[in-house]
Protein backbone atom coordinates (compact mmCIF):
# COMPACT_ATOMS: atom_id res chain seq x y z
CA MET A 1 0.00 0.00 0.00
CA ILE A 2 1.32 3.41 -0.96
CA ASN A 3 0.38 6.30 1.32
CA PHE A 4 0.86 10.04 1.18
CA PHE A 5 1.09 12.16 4.33
CA TYR A 6 1.40 15.92 4.50
CA GLU A 7 3.36 17.82 7.13
CA THR A 8 3.33 20.95 4.96
CA LYS A 9 1.17 22.53 2.28
CA VAL A 10 1.58 20.99 -1.14
CA GLU A 11 -0.04 21.73 -4.45
CA ALA A 12 -2.52 18.95 -5.08
CA LEU A 13 -0.80 15.76 -6.13
CA ASP A 14 -2.60 13.35 -8.41
CA GLU A 15 -2.11 10.54 -5.92
CA ALA A 16 -4.05 7.96 -7.96
CA SER A 17 -1.82 8.44 -11.03
CA LEU A 18 1.33 8.47 -8.94
CA ILE A 19 0.34 5.31 -7.05
CA SER A 20 -0.46 3.51 -10.31
CA TRP A 21 2.86 4.56 -11.84
CA ILE A 22 4.87 3.63 -8.75
CA GLY A 23 3.23 0.20 -8.85
CA VAL A 24 4.38 -0.23 -12.46
CA VAL A 25 7.91 0.85 -11.49
CA ILE A 26 8.00 -1.63 -8.61
CA LEU A 27 6.96 -4.48 -10.91
CA SER A 28 9.52 -3.39 -13.52
CA GLU A 29 12.20 -3.99 -10.88
CA ASN A 30 10.80 -7.47 -10.08
CA LYS A 31 9.75 -6.31 -6.62
CA THR A 32 6.40 -6.34 -4.86
CA GLU A 33 4.63 -3.53 -3.11
CA GLY A 34 4.56 -3.48 0.66
CA GLU A 35 3.81 -0.40 2.74
CA ILE A 36 5.49 2.70 1.34
CA ASN A 37 4.83 6.03 3.02
CA PHE A 38 5.65 9.33 1.37
CA ILE A 39 5.79 12.15 3.91
CA MET A 40 5.71 15.61 2.34
CA CYS A 41 7.40 18.15 4.59
CA ASP A 42 9.34 21.42 4.59
CA ASP A 43 13.09 22.06 4.77
CA ASP A 44 13.22 22.45 8.56
CA TYR A 45 11.31 19.21 9.16
CA LEU A 46 13.66 17.24 6.90
CA LEU A 47 16.75 19.00 8.26
CA GLN A 48 15.81 17.86 11.75
CA ILE A 49 15.43 14.26 10.52
CA ASN A 50 18.80 14.55 8.77
CA GLN A 51 20.45 15.82 11.96
CA VAL A 52 18.85 13.36 14.37
CA PHE A 53 18.94 10.14 12.35
CA LEU A 54 21.83 10.60 9.93
CA ASP A 55 24.03 13.08 11.81
CA HIS A 56 24.10 15.37 8.74
CA ASP A 57 23.60 19.11 9.13
CA THR A 58 22.48 19.85 5.58
CA TYR A 59 19.28 20.46 3.70
CA THR A 60 18.24 17.75 1.29
CA ASP A 61 15.28 16.97 -0.95
CA ILE A 62 14.72 13.38 0.18
CA ILE A 63 15.55 10.90 2.90
CA SER A 64 14.51 7.26 2.59
CA PHE A 65 14.24 4.80 5.45
CA ASP A 66 14.29 1.32 3.96
CA ASN A 67 12.37 -1.43 5.74
CA THR A 68 12.22 -3.79 2.76
CA ILE A 69 11.70 -7.47 3.50
CA GLY A 70 13.11 -9.67 0.74
CA ASN A 71 11.58 -8.44 -2.52
CA GLN A 72 8.65 -6.69 -0.83
CA LEU A 73 9.31 -2.95 -0.59
CA HIS A 74 8.56 -1.20 2.67
CA GLY A 75 9.78 2.20 3.75
CA ASP A 76 9.24 5.78 4.74
CA ILE A 77 10.29 8.42 2.23
CA PHE A 78 10.47 12.01 3.46
CA ILE A 79 10.42 14.73 0.79
CA SER A 80 11.09 18.43 1.27
CA VAL A 81 8.58 20.19 -0.95
CA GLU A 82 10.65 23.39 -0.68
CA ARG A 83 13.71 21.62 -2.12
CA VAL A 84 11.62 20.10 -4.92
CA VAL A 85 10.27 23.52 -5.91
CA ASP A 86 13.74 25.12 -5.79
CA ASN A 87 15.34 22.24 -7.71
CA ALA A 88 12.66 22.45 -10.41
CA LYS A 89 13.69 26.08 -10.98
CA ILE A 90 17.39 25.22 -10.96
CA TYR A 91 16.98 22.36 -13.47
CA GLY A 92 14.38 24.15 -15.62
CA VAL A 93 11.65 21.53 -15.22
CA SER A 94 8.12 21.65 -13.88
CA VAL A 95 7.52 21.08 -10.19
CA ASP A 96 5.42 18.03 -11.13
CA GLU A 97 8.30 16.48 -13.08
CA GLU A 98 10.80 17.16 -10.31
CA MET A 99 8.39 15.72 -7.75
CA ARG A 100 8.05 12.54 -9.83
CA ARG A 101 11.85 12.29 -10.07
CA VAL A 102 12.24 12.61 -6.30
CA LEU A 103 9.41 10.17 -5.58
CA ILE A 104 10.91 7.55 -7.85
CA HIS A 105 14.40 8.24 -6.50
CA GLY A 106 13.10 7.15 -3.10
CA VAL A 107 11.47 4.03 -4.53
CA LEU A 108 14.71 3.15 -6.31
CA HIS A 109 16.54 3.38 -2.98
CA LEU A 110 14.04 0.86 -1.60
CA CYS A 111 14.83 -1.33 -4.60
CA GLY A 112 18.47 -1.33 -3.53
CA TYR A 113 20.01 1.38 -5.72
CA LYS A 114 22.54 3.67 -4.08
CA ASP A 115 23.99 7.04 -5.07
CA LYS A 116 27.10 7.48 -2.92
CA THR A 117 29.72 6.97 -5.64
CA ASP A 118 29.89 8.54 -9.11
CA GLU A 119 29.14 5.15 -10.68
CA GLU A 120 26.15 4.55 -8.40
CA GLU A 121 24.85 8.05 -9.04
CA LYS A 122 25.13 7.57 -12.81
CA LEU A 123 23.11 4.33 -12.61
CA MET A 124 20.55 6.02 -10.33
CA ARG A 125 20.04 8.85 -12.87
CA GLN A 126 19.70 6.30 -15.67
CA LYS A 127 17.08 4.38 -13.68
CA GLU A 128 15.22 7.60 -12.77
CA ASN A 129 15.01 8.58 -16.43
CA GLU A 130 13.89 5.08 -17.42
CA LYS A 131 11.15 5.11 -14.76
CA LEU A 132 10.02 8.65 -15.63
CA GLU A 133 9.38 7.39 -19.16
CA LEU A 134 7.02 4.80 -17.71
CA PHE A 135 4.95 7.60 -16.19
CA HIS A 136 4.49 9.22 -19.58
CA VAL A 137 3.54 5.88 -21.14
CA GLU A 138 1.20 5.13 -18.22
CA GLN A 139 -0.72 8.37 -18.77
């Protein structure tokens, strides 16, 4: 089950379309859907999580807590809406597109993809782009 929770104001998300697409992405990675929670928050909320749980004192757009069991994905994915909006401006894309990228970035972490090294980051970007294409096909 995929859930959305809101700790800050967010422009209306088309949750039904996003949930359907995320389900397709999960299947495309030969995984099954468990309980995945997306928590939309602001910079300060996510900064506090970053400080307390990861000992990082930086702003970020996403933090994923992976509770996957075998091939069944479970996790909590915290997203700073402020970072998503700012990054959309920086990268010259719509907020909706950047939000989809960040959402799927979190799901890919649950699938086991990392982004700590240059090689891992390159593969993560490739997978993000591949999965974003599935959204456009899905619609």
